[in-house]
PDB file of N, CA and C in Angstrom:
ATOM      1  N   UNK A   1       5.801  23.585  13.395  1.00  0.00           N
ATOM      2  CA  UNK A   1       6.741  22.768  14.147  1.00  0.00           C
ATOM      3  C   UNK A   1       7.406  21.771  13.194  1.00  0.00           C
ATOM      4  N   UNK A   2       8.725  21.686  13.204  1.00  0.00           N
ATOM      5  CA  UNK A   2       9.413  20.778  12.276  1.00  0.00           C
ATOM      6  C   UNK A   2       9.047  19.316  12.531  1.00  0.00           C
ATOM      7  N   UNK A   3       8.973  18.565  11.451  1.00  0.00           N
ATOM      8  CA  UNK A   3       8.653  17.144  11.550  1.00  0.00           C
ATOM      9  C   UNK A   3       9.859  16.335  11.061  1.00  0.00           C
ATOM     10  N   UNK A   4      10.208  15.301  11.841  1.00  0.00           N
ATOM     11  CA  UNK A   4      11.273  14.390  11.429  1.00  0.00           C
ATOM     12  C   UNK A   4      10.676  13.398  10.436  1.00  0.00           C
ATOM     13  N   UNK A   5      11.382  13.181   9.336  1.00  0.00           N
ATOM     14  CA  UNK A   5      10.874  12.360   8.240  1.00  0.00           C
ATOM     15  C   UNK A   5      11.849  11.232   7.936  1.00  0.00           C
ATOM     16  N   UNK A   6      11.295  10.046   7.655  1.00  0.00           N
ATOM     17  CA  UNK A   6      12.112   8.939   7.161  1.00  0.00           C
ATOM     18  C   UNK A   6      11.753   8.717   5.699  1.00  0.00           C
ATOM     19  N   UNK A   7      12.789   8.636   4.857  1.00  0.00           N
ATOM     20  CA  UNK A   7      12.614   8.353   3.435  1.00  0.00           C
ATOM     21  C   UNK A   7      13.227   6.981   3.169  1.00  0.00           C
ATOM     22  N   UNK A   8      12.384   6.052   2.694  1.00  0.00           N
ATOM     23  CA  UNK A   8      12.824   4.679   2.456  1.00  0.00           C
ATOM     24  C   UNK A   8      12.736   4.386   0.961  1.00  0.00           C
ATOM     25  N   UNK A   9      13.894   4.210   0.336  1.00  0.00           N
ATOM     26  CA  UNK A   9      13.949   3.909  -1.103  1.00  0.00           C
ATOM     27  C   UNK A   9      15.307   3.298  -1.388  1.00  0.00           C
ATOM     28  N   UNK A  10      15.350   2.316  -2.264  1.00  0.00           N
ATOM     29  CA  UNK A  10      16.631   1.686  -2.564  1.00  0.00           C
ATOM     30  C   UNK A  10      17.510   2.550  -3.460  1.00  0.00           C
ATOM     31  N   UNK A  11      16.984   3.646  -3.971  1.00  0.00           N
ATOM     32  CA  UNK A  11      17.765   4.571  -4.787  1.00  0.00           C
ATOM     33  C   UNK A  11      18.159   5.794  -3.957  1.00  0.00           C
ATOM     34  N   UNK A  12      19.476   5.978  -3.766  1.00  0.00           N
ATOM     35  CA  UNK A  12      19.969   7.143  -3.023  1.00  0.00           C
ATOM     36  C   UNK A  12      19.562   8.429  -3.734  1.00  0.00           C
ATOM     37  N   UNK A  13      19.539   8.405  -5.065  1.00  0.00           N
ATOM     38  CA  UNK A  13      19.159   9.596  -5.836  1.00  0.00           C
ATOM     39  C   UNK A  13      17.703   9.983  -5.548  1.00  0.00           C
ATOM     40  N   UNK A  14      16.820   9.007  -5.516  1.00  0.00           N
ATOM     41  CA  UNK A  14      15.407   9.284  -5.232  1.00  0.00           C
ATOM     42  C   UNK A  14      15.254   9.823  -3.811  1.00  0.00           C
ATOM     43  N   UNK A  15      16.013   9.280  -2.864  1.00  0.00           N
ATOM     44  CA  UNK A  15      15.940   9.784  -1.483  1.00  0.00           C
ATOM     45  C   UNK A  15      16.313  11.263  -1.437  1.00  0.00           C
ATOM     46  N   UNK A  16      17.372  11.642  -2.166  1.00  0.00           N
ATOM     47  CA  UNK A  16      17.800  13.052  -2.194  1.00  0.00           C
ATOM     48  C   UNK A  16      16.762  13.923  -2.889  1.00  0.00           C
ATOM     49  N   UNK A  17      16.199  13.424  -3.986  1.00  0.00           N
ATOM     50  CA  UNK A  17      15.168  14.174  -4.706  1.00  0.00           C
ATOM     51  C   UNK A  17      13.957  14.395  -3.806  1.00  0.00           C
ATOM     52  N   UNK A  18      13.535  13.363  -3.093  1.00  0.00           N
ATOM     53  CA  UNK A  18      12.385  13.507  -2.190  1.00  0.00           C
ATOM     54  C   UNK A  18      12.660  14.534  -1.105  1.00  0.00           C
ATOM     55  N   UNK A  19      13.869  14.534  -0.577  1.00  0.00           N
ATOM     56  CA  UNK A  19      14.241  15.511   0.449  1.00  0.00           C
ATOM     57  C   UNK A  19      14.138  16.927  -0.111  1.00  0.00           C
ATOM     58  N   UNK A  20      14.637  17.116  -1.322  1.00  0.00           N
ATOM     59  CA  UNK A  20      14.575  18.430  -1.964  1.00  0.00           C
ATOM     60  C   UNK A  20      13.116  18.835  -2.246  1.00  0.00           C
ATOM     61  N   UNK A  21      12.307  17.873  -2.688  1.00  0.00           N
ATOM     62  CA  UNK A  21      10.898  18.151  -2.991  1.00  0.00           C
ATOM     63  C   UNK A  21      10.141  18.534  -1.711  1.00  0.00           C
ATOM     64  N   UNK A  22      10.461  17.890  -0.598  1.00  0.00           N
ATOM     65  CA  UNK A  22       9.814  18.252   0.672  1.00  0.00           C
ATOM     66  C   UNK A  22      10.115  19.705   1.027  1.00  0.00           C
ATOM     67  N   UNK A  23      11.342  20.124   0.815  1.00  0.00           N
ATOM     68  CA  UNK A  23      11.709  21.517   1.078  1.00  0.00           C
ATOM     69  C   UNK A  23      10.966  22.463   0.133  1.00  0.00           C
ATOM     70  N   UNK A  24      10.871  22.086  -1.149  1.00  0.00           N
ATOM     71  CA  UNK A  24      10.154  22.911  -2.128  1.00  0.00           C
ATOM     72  C   UNK A  24       8.666  22.995  -1.801  1.00  0.00           C
ATOM     73  N   UNK A  25       8.142  21.950  -1.155  1.00  0.00           N
ATOM     74  CA  UNK A  25       6.723  21.908  -0.809  1.00  0.00           C
ATOM     75  C   UNK A  25       6.452  22.613   0.527  1.00  0.00           C
ATOM     76  N   UNK A  26       7.467  23.296   1.055  1.00  0.00           N
ATOM     77  CA  UNK A  26       7.352  24.044   2.312  1.00  0.00           C
ATOM     78  C   UNK A  26       7.010  23.164   3.509  1.00  0.00           C
ATOM     79  N   UNK A  27       7.471  21.912   3.475  1.00  0.00           N
ATOM     80  CA  UNK A  27       7.282  21.028   4.626  1.00  0.00           C
ATOM     81  C   UNK A  27       8.286  21.466   5.691  1.00  0.00           C
ATOM     82  N   UNK A  28       7.821  21.715   6.930  1.00  0.00           N
ATOM     83  CA  UNK A  28       8.747  22.128   7.993  1.00  0.00           C
ATOM     84  C   UNK A  28       9.591  20.937   8.449  1.00  0.00           C
ATOM     85  N   UNK A  29      10.696  20.714   7.763  1.00  0.00           N
ATOM     86  CA  UNK A  29      11.532  19.543   8.019  1.00  0.00           C
ATOM     87  C   UNK A  29      12.377  19.679   9.267  1.00  0.00           C
ATOM     88  N   UNK A  30      12.388  18.606  10.037  1.00  0.00           N
ATOM     89  CA  UNK A  30      13.344  18.467  11.128  1.00  0.00           C
ATOM     90  C   UNK A  30      14.473  17.609  10.580  1.00  0.00           C
ATOM     91  N   UNK A  31      14.737  16.497  11.253  1.00  0.00           N
ATOM     92  CA  UNK A  31      15.748  15.562  10.772  1.00  0.00           C
ATOM     93  C   UNK A  31      15.164  14.731   9.631  1.00  0.00           C
ATOM     94  N   UNK A  32      16.016  14.371   8.682  1.00  0.00           N
ATOM     95  CA  UNK A  32      15.636  13.449   7.615  1.00  0.00           C
ATOM     96  C   UNK A  32      16.495  12.200   7.786  1.00  0.00           C
ATOM     97  N   UNK A  33      15.828  11.075   7.997  1.00  0.00           N
ATOM     98  CA  UNK A  33      16.520   9.803   8.164  1.00  0.00           C
ATOM     99  C   UNK A  33      16.294   9.004   6.891  1.00  0.00           C
ATOM    100  N   UNK A  34      17.358   8.442   6.340  1.00  0.00           N
ATOM    101  CA  UNK A  34      17.246   7.678   5.104  1.00  0.00           C
ATOM    102  C   UNK A  34      17.458   6.198   5.379  1.00  0.00           C
ATOM    103  N   UNK A  35      16.737   5.363   4.612  1.00  0.00           N
ATOM    104  CA  UNK A  35      16.921   3.919   4.676  1.00  0.00           C
ATOM    105  C   UNK A  35      16.794   3.362   3.261  1.00  0.00           C
ATOM    106  N   UNK A  36      17.593   2.330   2.956  1.00  0.00           N
ATOM    107  CA  UNK A  36      17.617   1.756   1.620  1.00  0.00           C
ATOM    108  C   UNK A  36      16.600   0.655   1.382  1.00  0.00           C
ATOM    109  N   UNK A  37      15.994   0.155   2.463  1.00  0.00           N
ATOM    110  CA  UNK A  37      14.954  -0.862   2.326  1.00  0.00           C
ATOM    111  C   UNK A  37      14.193  -0.973   3.651  1.00  0.00           C
ATOM    112  N   UNK A  38      13.193  -1.824   3.685  1.00  0.00           N
ATOM    113  CA  UNK A  38      12.364  -1.962   4.876  1.00  0.00           C
ATOM    114  C   UNK A  38      13.111  -2.474   6.093  1.00  0.00           C
ATOM    115  N   UNK A  39      14.056  -3.381   5.881  1.00  0.00           N
ATOM    116  CA  UNK A  39      14.831  -3.930   6.997  1.00  0.00           C
ATOM    117  C   UNK A  39      15.618  -2.813   7.681  1.00  0.00           C
ATOM    118  N   UNK A  40      16.310  -2.007   6.882  1.00  0.00           N
ATOM    119  CA  UNK A  40      17.092  -0.893   7.427  1.00  0.00           C
ATOM    120  C   UNK A  40      16.181   0.131   8.114  1.00  0.00           C
ATOM    121  N   UNK A  41      15.012   0.377   7.526  1.00  0.00           N
ATOM    122  CA  UNK A  41      14.060   1.329   8.113  1.00  0.00           C
ATOM    123  C   UNK A  41      13.615   0.869   9.495  1.00  0.00           C
ATOM    124  N   UNK A  42      13.221  -0.402   9.609  1.00  0.00           N
ATOM    125  CA  UNK A  42      12.769  -0.917  10.909  1.00  0.00           C
ATOM    126  C   UNK A  42      13.885  -0.869  11.940  1.00  0.00           C
ATOM    127  N   UNK A  43      15.102  -1.151  11.517  1.00  0.00           N
ATOM    128  CA  UNK A  43      16.251  -1.112  12.429  1.00  0.00           C
ATOM    129  C   UNK A  43      16.457   0.309  12.953  1.00  0.00           C
ATOM    130  N   UNK A  44      16.415   1.302  12.060  1.00  0.00           N
ATOM    131  CA  UNK A  44      16.618   2.698  12.472  1.00  0.00           C
ATOM    132  C   UNK A  44      15.468   3.196  13.343  1.00  0.00           C
ATOM    133  N   UNK A  45      14.255   2.709  13.091  1.00  0.00           N
ATOM    134  CA  UNK A  45      13.100   3.162  13.870  1.00  0.00           C
ATOM    135  C   UNK A  45      13.099   2.629  15.300  1.00  0.00           C
ATOM    136  N   UNK A  46      14.014   1.719  15.604  1.00  0.00           N
ATOM    137  CA  UNK A  46      14.167   1.253  16.984  1.00  0.00           C
ATOM    138  C   UNK A  46      14.780   2.343  17.854  1.00  0.00           C
ATOM    139  N   UNK A  47      15.531   3.262  17.216  1.00  0.00           N
ATOM    140  CA  UNK A  47      16.244   4.287  17.989  1.00  0.00           C
ATOM    141  C   UNK A  47      15.809   5.717  17.684  1.00  0.00           C
ATOM    142  N   UNK A  48      15.021   5.919  16.629  1.00  0.00           N
ATOM    143  CA  UNK A  48      14.552   7.264  16.310  1.00  0.00           C
ATOM    144  C   UNK A  48      13.042   7.259  16.107  1.00  0.00           C
ATOM    145  N   UNK A  49      12.424   8.388  16.418  1.00  0.00           N
ATOM    146  CA  UNK A  49      10.993   8.554  16.175  1.00  0.00           C
ATOM    147  C   UNK A  49      10.831   9.558  15.044  1.00  0.00           C
ATOM    148  N   UNK A  50       9.882   9.275  14.160  1.00  0.00           N
ATOM    149  CA  UNK A  50       9.610  10.190  13.046  1.00  0.00           C
ATOM    150  C   UNK A  50       8.120  10.508  13.020  1.00  0.00           C
ATOM    151  N   UNK A  51       7.793  11.614  12.367  1.00  0.00           N
ATOM    152  CA  UNK A  51       6.398  12.014  12.254  1.00  0.00           C
ATOM    153  C   UNK A  51       5.801  11.702  10.899  1.00  0.00           C
ATOM    154  N   UNK A  52       6.646  11.209   9.976  1.00  0.00           N
ATOM    155  CA  UNK A  52       6.188  10.903   8.621  1.00  0.00           C
ATOM    156  C   UNK A  52       7.183   9.946   7.976  1.00  0.00           C
ATOM    157  N   UNK A  53       6.638   8.991   7.209  1.00  0.00           N
ATOM    158  CA  UNK A  53       7.487   8.072   6.445  1.00  0.00           C
ATOM    159  C   UNK A  53       7.051   8.119   4.985  1.00  0.00           C
ATOM    160  N   UNK A  54       8.033   8.307   4.100  1.00  0.00           N
ATOM    161  CA  UNK A  54       7.805   8.203   2.659  1.00  0.00           C
ATOM    162  C   UNK A  54       8.530   6.946   2.213  1.00  0.00           C
ATOM    163  N   UNK A  55       7.809   5.996   1.604  1.00  0.00           N
ATOM    164  CA  UNK A  55       8.425   4.718   1.266  1.00  0.00           C
ATOM    165  C   UNK A  55       8.088   4.270  -0.143  1.00  0.00           C
ATOM    166  N   UNK A  56       9.107   3.755  -0.815  1.00  0.00           N
ATOM    167  CA  UNK A  56       8.926   3.096  -2.101  1.00  0.00           C
ATOM    168  C   UNK A  56       8.196   1.772  -1.835  1.00  0.00           C
ATOM    169  N   UNK A  57       7.573   1.208  -2.862  1.00  0.00           N
ATOM    170  CA  UNK A  57       6.970  -0.126  -2.715  1.00  0.00           C
ATOM    171  C   UNK A  57       7.986  -1.194  -3.105  1.00  0.00           C
ATOM    172  N   UNK A  58       8.613  -1.040  -4.269  1.00  0.00           N
ATOM    173  CA  UNK A  58       9.517  -2.069  -4.794  1.00  0.00           C
ATOM    174  C   UNK A  58      10.949  -1.829  -4.334  1.00  0.00           C
ATOM    175  N   UNK A  59      11.391  -2.678  -3.363  1.00  0.00           N
ATOM    176  CA  UNK A  59      12.757  -2.593  -2.835  1.00  0.00           C
ATOM    177  C   UNK A  59      13.238  -4.009  -2.526  1.00  0.00           C
ATOM    178  N   UNK A  60      14.570  -4.207  -2.511  1.00  0.00           N
ATOM    179  CA  UNK A  60      15.096  -5.527  -2.130  1.00  0.00           C
ATOM    180  C   UNK A  60      14.958  -5.757  -0.622  1.00  0.00           C
ATOM    181  N   UNK A  61      15.195  -6.968  -0.193  1.00  0.00           N
ATOM    182  CA  UNK A  61      15.205  -7.402   1.212  1.00  0.00           C
ATOM    183  C   UNK A  61      13.818  -7.352   1.852  1.00  0.00           C
ATOM    184  N   UNK A  62      13.234  -6.166   1.960  1.00  0.00           N
ATOM    185  CA  UNK A  62      11.868  -6.025   2.475  1.00  0.00           C
ATOM    186  C   UNK A  62      11.213  -4.896   1.698  1.00  0.00           C
ATOM    187  N   UNK A  63      10.156  -5.226   0.958  1.00  0.00           N
ATOM    188  CA  UNK A  63       9.513  -4.186   0.147  1.00  0.00           C
ATOM    189  C   UNK A  63       8.637  -3.274   1.004  1.00  0.00           C
ATOM    190  N   UNK A  64       8.110  -2.238   0.373  1.00  0.00           N
ATOM    191  CA  UNK A  64       7.329  -1.241   1.094  1.00  0.00           C
ATOM    192  C   UNK A  64       6.048  -1.779   1.703  1.00  0.00           C
ATOM    193  N   UNK A  65       5.432  -2.776   1.063  1.00  0.00           N
ATOM    194  CA  UNK A  65       4.195  -3.341   1.620  1.00  0.00           C
ATOM    195  C   UNK A  65       4.491  -4.139   2.894  1.00  0.00           C
ATOM    196  N   UNK A  66       5.569  -4.912   2.885  1.00  0.00           N
ATOM    197  CA  UNK A  66       5.966  -5.652   4.091  1.00  0.00           C
ATOM    198  C   UNK A  66       6.348  -4.668   5.202  1.00  0.00           C
ATOM    199  N   UNK A  67       7.059  -3.604   4.841  1.00  0.00           N
ATOM    200  CA  UNK A  67       7.428  -2.571   5.813  1.00  0.00           C
ATOM    201  C   UNK A  67       6.172  -1.943   6.405  1.00  0.00           C
ATOM    202  N   UNK A  68       5.220  -1.597   5.559  1.00  0.00           N
ATOM    203  CA  UNK A  68       3.979  -0.974   6.019  1.00  0.00           C
ATOM    204  C   UNK A  68       3.249  -1.882   6.995  1.00  0.00           C
ATOM    205  N   UNK A  69       3.163  -3.170   6.663  1.00  0.00           N
ATOM    206  CA  UNK A  69       2.525  -4.129   7.565  1.00  0.00           C
ATOM    207  C   UNK A  69       3.226  -4.189   8.914  1.00  0.00           C
ATOM    208  N   UNK A  70       4.561  -4.187   8.883  1.00  0.00           N
ATOM    209  CA  UNK A  70       5.347  -4.233  10.123  1.00  0.00           C
ATOM    210  C   UNK A  70       5.153  -2.959  10.944  1.00  0.00           C
ATOM    211  N   UNK A  71       5.098  -1.800  10.272  1.00  0.00           N
ATOM    212  CA  UNK A  71       4.907  -0.527  10.973  1.00  0.00           C
ATOM    213  C   UNK A  71       3.548  -0.483  11.664  1.00  0.00           C
ATOM    214  N   UNK A  72       2.520  -0.933  10.979  1.00  0.00           N
ATOM    215  CA  UNK A  72       1.159  -0.876  11.527  1.00  0.00           C
ATOM    216  C   UNK A  72       0.943  -1.909  12.624  1.00  0.00           C
ATOM    217  N   UNK A  73       1.817  -2.913  12.692  1.00  0.00           N
ATOM    218  CA  UNK A  73       1.706  -3.950  13.723  1.00  0.00           C
ATOM    219  C   UNK A  73       2.408  -3.566  15.024  1.00  0.00           C
ATOM    220  N   UNK A  74       3.194  -2.479  15.018  1.00  0.00           N
ATOM    221  CA  UNK A  74       3.938  -2.074  16.205  1.00  0.00           C
ATOM    222  C   UNK A  74       3.311  -0.832  16.842  1.00  0.00           C
ATOM    223  N   UNK A  75       3.153  -0.858  18.157  1.00  0.00           N
ATOM    224  CA  UNK A  75       2.564   0.280  18.870  1.00  0.00           C
ATOM    225  C   UNK A  75       3.337   1.577  18.602  1.00  0.00           C
ATOM    226  N   UNK A  76       4.663   1.499  18.570  1.00  0.00           N
ATOM    227  CA  UNK A  76       5.497   2.707  18.445  1.00  0.00           C
ATOM    228  C   UNK A  76       5.342   3.391  17.092  1.00  0.00           C
ATOM    229  N   UNK A  77       4.969   2.640  16.060  1.00  0.00           N
ATOM    230  CA  UNK A  77       4.916   3.223  14.712  1.00  0.00           C
ATOM    231  C   UNK A  77       3.522   3.155  14.076  1.00  0.00           C
ATOM    232  N   UNK A  78       2.577   2.582  14.753  1.00  0.00           N
ATOM    233  CA  UNK A  78       1.233   2.368  14.195  1.00  0.00           C
ATOM    234  C   UNK A  78       0.583   3.652  13.672  1.00  0.00           C
ATOM    235  N   UNK A  79       0.760   4.758  14.392  1.00  0.00           N
ATOM    236  CA  UNK A  79       0.074   5.998  14.037  1.00  0.00           C
ATOM    237  C   UNK A  79       0.891   6.953  13.170  1.00  0.00           C
ATOM    238  N   UNK A  80       2.093   6.535  12.761  1.00  0.00           N
ATOM    239  CA  UNK A  80       2.919   7.388  11.903  1.00  0.00           C
ATOM    240  C   UNK A  80       2.353   7.338  10.481  1.00  0.00           C
ATOM    241  N   UNK A  81       2.037   8.504   9.888  1.00  0.00           N
ATOM    242  CA  UNK A  81       1.544   8.493   8.507  1.00  0.00           C
ATOM    243  C   UNK A  81       2.614   7.978   7.551  1.00  0.00           C
ATOM    244  N   UNK A  82       2.175   7.107   6.625  1.00  0.00           N
ATOM    245  CA  UNK A  82       3.085   6.541   5.627  1.00  0.00           C
ATOM    246  C   UNK A  82       2.530   6.859   4.242  1.00  0.00           C
ATOM    247  N   UNK A  83       3.339   7.545   3.446  1.00  0.00           N
ATOM    248  CA  UNK A  83       2.984   7.840   2.055  1.00  0.00           C
ATOM    249  C   UNK A  83       3.841   6.930   1.174  1.00  0.00           C
ATOM    250  N   UNK A  84       3.198   6.166   0.312  1.00  0.00           N
ATOM    251  CA  UNK A  84       3.926   5.310  -0.611  1.00  0.00           C
ATOM    252  C   UNK A  84       4.286   6.132  -1.847  1.00  0.00           C
ATOM    253  N   UNK A  85       5.544   6.059  -2.251  1.00  0.00           N
ATOM    254  CA  UNK A  85       6.028   6.773  -3.435  1.00  0.00           C
ATOM    255  C   UNK A  85       6.521   5.684  -4.380  1.00  0.00           C
ATOM    256  N   UNK A  86       5.852   5.518  -5.525  1.00  0.00           N
ATOM    257  CA  UNK A  86       6.114   4.328  -6.315  1.00  0.00           C
ATOM    258  C   UNK A  86       6.006   4.521  -7.817  1.00  0.00           C
ATOM    259  N   UNK A  87       6.694   3.648  -8.537  1.00  0.00           N
ATOM    260  CA  UNK A  87       6.524   3.557  -9.986  1.00  0.00           C
ATOM    261  C   UNK A  87       5.479   2.501 -10.300  1.00  0.00           C
ATOM    262  N   UNK A  88       4.988   1.842  -9.262  1.00  0.00           N
ATOM    263  CA  UNK A  88       4.044   0.731  -9.415  1.00  0.00           C
ATOM    264  C   UNK A  88       2.835   1.161 -10.230  1.00  0.00           C
ATOM    265  N   UNK A  89       2.634   0.508 -11.357  1.00  0.00           N
ATOM    266  CA  UNK A  89       1.502   0.838 -12.217  1.00  0.00           C
ATOM    267  C   UNK A  89       0.261   0.047 -11.850  1.00  0.00           C
ATOM    268  N   UNK A  90       0.448  -1.041 -11.144  1.00  0.00           N
ATOM    269  CA  UNK A  90      -0.659  -1.922 -10.796  1.00  0.00           C
ATOM    270  C   UNK A  90      -1.512  -1.313  -9.692  1.00  0.00           C
ATOM    271  N   UNK A  91      -2.781  -1.083  -9.999  1.00  0.00           N
ATOM    272  CA  UNK A  91      -3.655  -0.487  -8.984  1.00  0.00           C
ATOM    273  C   UNK A  91      -3.895  -1.459  -7.831  1.00  0.00           C
ATOM    274  N   UNK A  92      -3.758  -2.767  -8.068  1.00  0.00           N
ATOM    275  CA  UNK A  92      -3.971  -3.730  -6.983  1.00  0.00           C
ATOM    276  C   UNK A  92      -2.893  -3.586  -5.911  1.00  0.00           C
ATOM    277  N   UNK A  93      -1.636  -3.311  -6.309  1.00  0.00           N
ATOM    278  CA  UNK A  93      -0.562  -3.116  -5.325  1.00  0.00           C
ATOM    279  C   UNK A  93      -0.781  -1.824  -4.544  1.00  0.00           C
ATOM    280  N   UNK A  94      -1.233  -0.793  -5.241  1.00  0.00           N
ATOM    281  CA  UNK A  94      -1.503   0.488  -4.575  1.00  0.00           C
ATOM    282  C   UNK A  94      -2.670   0.316  -3.610  1.00  0.00           C
ATOM    283  N   UNK A  95      -3.710  -0.400  -4.024  1.00  0.00           N
ATOM    284  CA  UNK A  95      -4.869  -0.644  -3.143  1.00  0.00           C
ATOM    285  C   UNK A  95      -4.451  -1.482  -1.944  1.00  0.00           C
ATOM    286  N   UNK A  96      -3.546  -2.424  -2.152  1.00  0.00           N
ATOM    287  CA  UNK A  96      -3.035  -3.239  -1.054  1.00  0.00           C
ATOM    288  C   UNK A  96      -2.359  -2.340  -0.016  1.00  0.00           C
ATOM    289  N   UNK A  97      -1.593  -1.366  -0.490  1.00  0.00           N
ATOM    290  CA  UNK A  97      -0.922  -0.420   0.415  1.00  0.00           C
ATOM    291  C   UNK A  97      -1.946   0.382   1.199  1.00  0.00           C
ATOM    292  N   UNK A  98      -2.986   0.857   0.537  1.00  0.00           N
ATOM    293  CA  UNK A  98      -4.032   1.629   1.213  1.00  0.00           C
ATOM    294  C   UNK A  98      -4.741   0.749   2.242  1.00  0.00           C
ATOM    295  N   UNK A  99      -5.034  -0.493   1.864  1.00  0.00           N
ATOM    296  CA  UNK A  99      -5.696  -1.418   2.794  1.00  0.00           C
ATOM    297  C   UNK A  99      -4.828  -1.757   3.997  1.00  0.00           C
ATOM    298  N   UNK A 100      -3.510  -1.729   3.808  1.00  0.00           N
ATOM    299  CA  UNK A 100      -2.585  -1.994   4.917  1.00  0.00           C
ATOM    300  C   UNK A 100      -2.435  -0.785   5.843  1.00  0.00           C
ATOM    301  N   UNK A 101      -2.951   0.360   5.414  1.00  0.00           N
ATOM    302  CA  UNK A 101      -2.901   1.529   6.293  1.00  0.00           C
ATOM    303  C   UNK A 101      -2.099   2.704   5.770  1.00  0.00           C
ATOM    304  N   UNK A 102      -1.679   2.666   4.504  1.00  0.00           N
ATOM    305  CA  UNK A 102      -0.962   3.818   3.949  1.00  0.00           C
ATOM    306  C   UNK A 102      -1.872   5.036   3.971  1.00  0.00           C
ATOM    307  N   UNK A 103      -1.295   6.181   4.277  1.00  0.00           N
ATOM    308  CA  UNK A 103      -2.062   7.431   4.319  1.00  0.00           C
ATOM    309  C   UNK A 103      -2.299   7.988   2.927  1.00  0.00           C
ATOM    310  N   UNK A 104      -1.579   7.461   1.937  1.00  0.00           N
ATOM    311  CA  UNK A 104      -1.731   7.908   0.561  1.00  0.00           C
ATOM    312  C   UNK A 104      -0.575   7.411  -0.269  1.00  0.00           C
ATOM    313  N   UNK A 105      -0.590   7.765  -1.536  1.00  0.00           N
ATOM    314  CA  UNK A 105       0.503   7.369  -2.422  1.00  0.00           C
ATOM    315  C   UNK A 105       0.704   8.413  -3.500  1.00  0.00           C
ATOM    316  N   UNK A 106       1.923   8.453  -4.010  1.00  0.00           N
ATOM    317  CA  UNK A 106       2.294   9.353  -5.090  1.00  0.00           C
ATOM    318  C   UNK A 106       3.055   8.505  -6.103  1.00  0.00           C
ATOM    319  N   UNK A 107       2.717   8.661  -7.369  1.00  0.00           N
ATOM    320  CA  UNK A 107       3.433   7.924  -8.424  1.00  0.00           C
ATOM    321  C   UNK A 107       4.651   8.712  -8.896  1.00  0.00           C
ATOM    322  N   UNK A 108       5.758   7.985  -9.131  1.00  0.00           N
ATOM    323  CA  UNK A 108       6.951   8.586  -9.722  1.00  0.00           C
ATOM    324  C   UNK A 108       6.707   8.688 -11.219  1.00  0.00           C
ATOM    325  N   UNK A 109       7.171   9.718 -11.886  1.00  0.00           N
ATOM    326  CA  UNK A 109       7.789  10.923 -11.345  1.00  0.00           C
ATOM    327  C   UNK A 109       6.733  11.816 -10.683  1.00  0.00           C
ATOM    328  N   UNK A 110       7.127  12.556  -9.675  1.00  0.00           N
ATOM    329  CA  UNK A 110       6.202  13.377  -8.894  1.00  0.00           C
ATOM    330  C   UNK A 110       6.679  14.818  -8.889  1.00  0.00           C
ATOM    331  N   UNK A 111       5.777  15.709  -8.490  1.00  0.00           N
ATOM    332  CA  UNK A 111       6.132  17.129  -8.369  1.00  0.00           C
ATOM    333  C   UNK A 111       6.027  17.543  -6.904  1.00  0.00           C
ATOM    334  N   UNK A 112       6.607  18.676  -6.583  1.00  0.00           N
ATOM    335  CA  UNK A 112       6.512  19.211  -5.224  1.00  0.00           C
ATOM    336  C   UNK A 112       5.045  19.448  -4.870  1.00  0.00           C
ATOM    337  N   UNK A 113       4.249  19.896  -5.850  1.00  0.00           N
ATOM    338  CA  UNK A 113       2.826  20.158  -5.611  1.00  0.00           C
ATOM    339  C   UNK A 113       2.093  18.881  -5.226  1.00  0.00           C
ATOM    340  N   UNK A 114       2.397  17.768  -5.909  1.00  0.00           N
ATOM    341  CA  UNK A 114       1.739  16.487  -5.587  1.00  0.00           C
ATOM    342  C   UNK A 114       2.084  16.043  -4.175  1.00  0.00           C
ATOM    343  N   UNK A 115       3.360  16.195  -3.791  1.00  0.00           N
ATOM    344  CA  UNK A 115       3.781  15.813  -2.441  1.00  0.00           C
ATOM    345  C   UNK A 115       3.070  16.709  -1.424  1.00  0.00           C
ATOM    346  N   UNK A 116       3.049  17.998  -1.675  1.00  0.00           N
ATOM    347  CA  UNK A 116       2.412  18.946  -0.757  1.00  0.00           C
ATOM    348  C   UNK A 116       0.933  18.596  -0.575  1.00  0.00           C
ATOM    349  N   UNK A 117       0.270  18.265  -1.675  1.00  0.00           N
ATOM    350  CA  UNK A 117      -1.152  17.907  -1.645  1.00  0.00           C
ATOM    351  C   UNK A 117      -1.385  16.661  -0.789  1.00  0.00           C
ATOM    352  N   UNK A 118      -0.520  15.645  -0.951  1.00  0.00           N
ATOM    353  CA  UNK A 118      -0.672  14.404  -0.182  1.00  0.00           C
ATOM    354  C   UNK A 118      -0.426  14.618   1.304  1.00  0.00           C
ATOM    355  N   UNK A 119       0.458  15.575   1.639  1.00  0.00           N
ATOM    356  CA  UNK A 119       0.801  15.796   3.039  1.00  0.00           C
ATOM    357  C   UNK A 119      -0.161  16.729   3.749  1.00  0.00           C
ATOM    358  N   UNK A 120      -1.009  17.422   2.988  1.00  0.00           N
ATOM    359  CA  UNK A 120      -1.977  18.344   3.588  1.00  0.00           C
ATOM    360  C   UNK A 120      -2.827  17.602   4.613  1.00  0.00           C
ATOM    361  N   UNK A 121      -2.848  18.117   5.829  1.00  0.00           N
ATOM    362  CA  UNK A 121      -3.643  17.491   6.881  1.00  0.00           C
ATOM    363  C   UNK A 121      -2.941  16.377   7.627  1.00  0.00           C
ATOM    364  N   UNK A 122      -1.792  15.902   7.111  1.00  0.00           N
ATOM    365  CA  UNK A 122      -1.076  14.820   7.790  1.00  0.00           C
ATOM    366  C   UNK A 122      -0.057  15.333   8.786  1.00  0.00           C
ATOM    367  N   UNK A 123       0.538  16.499   8.456  1.00  0.00           N
ATOM    368  CA  UNK A 123       1.584  17.009   9.356  1.00  0.00           C
ATOM    369  C   UNK A 123       1.274  18.448   9.728  1.00  0.00           C
TER     370      UNK A 123
END
C-alpha cells in the first residue's frame, strides 16, 4: 500500500535526492510533500496526513529537533515515524533526536540501501 511521505530539508536538491532514493529503495510511495523547514512542515501537516517523515536536523526557522518535539506533542502526528537525515556529526544531537522519539537516523551522504534498512518495519 503506498505511503504518503513528507521530506523536510532546507535544501531543495536534498529533498529531490531523497525522493529518488525512496524510489530506488522500493518504497511504495504515494504523495510526497516537501517542506523547507519545521515551520513549513507543521503548517502543511495541518491539512495533510503522512505515514512517514524524513527530516534534516539543521534547518533555519525551526530545526529538526524542535519539529520532532512538536510532532510528538500533537495527537495527529505523535505516531508518525520520523527518520532524521543529517550531516550532524555530534552523537549528542543524534541521541537527542532518538530521545525525542525519532524512529532512526541516517547520516548524509546516504545510499538507497541505508534508507531501505532504516525503513524496514516502519512502513
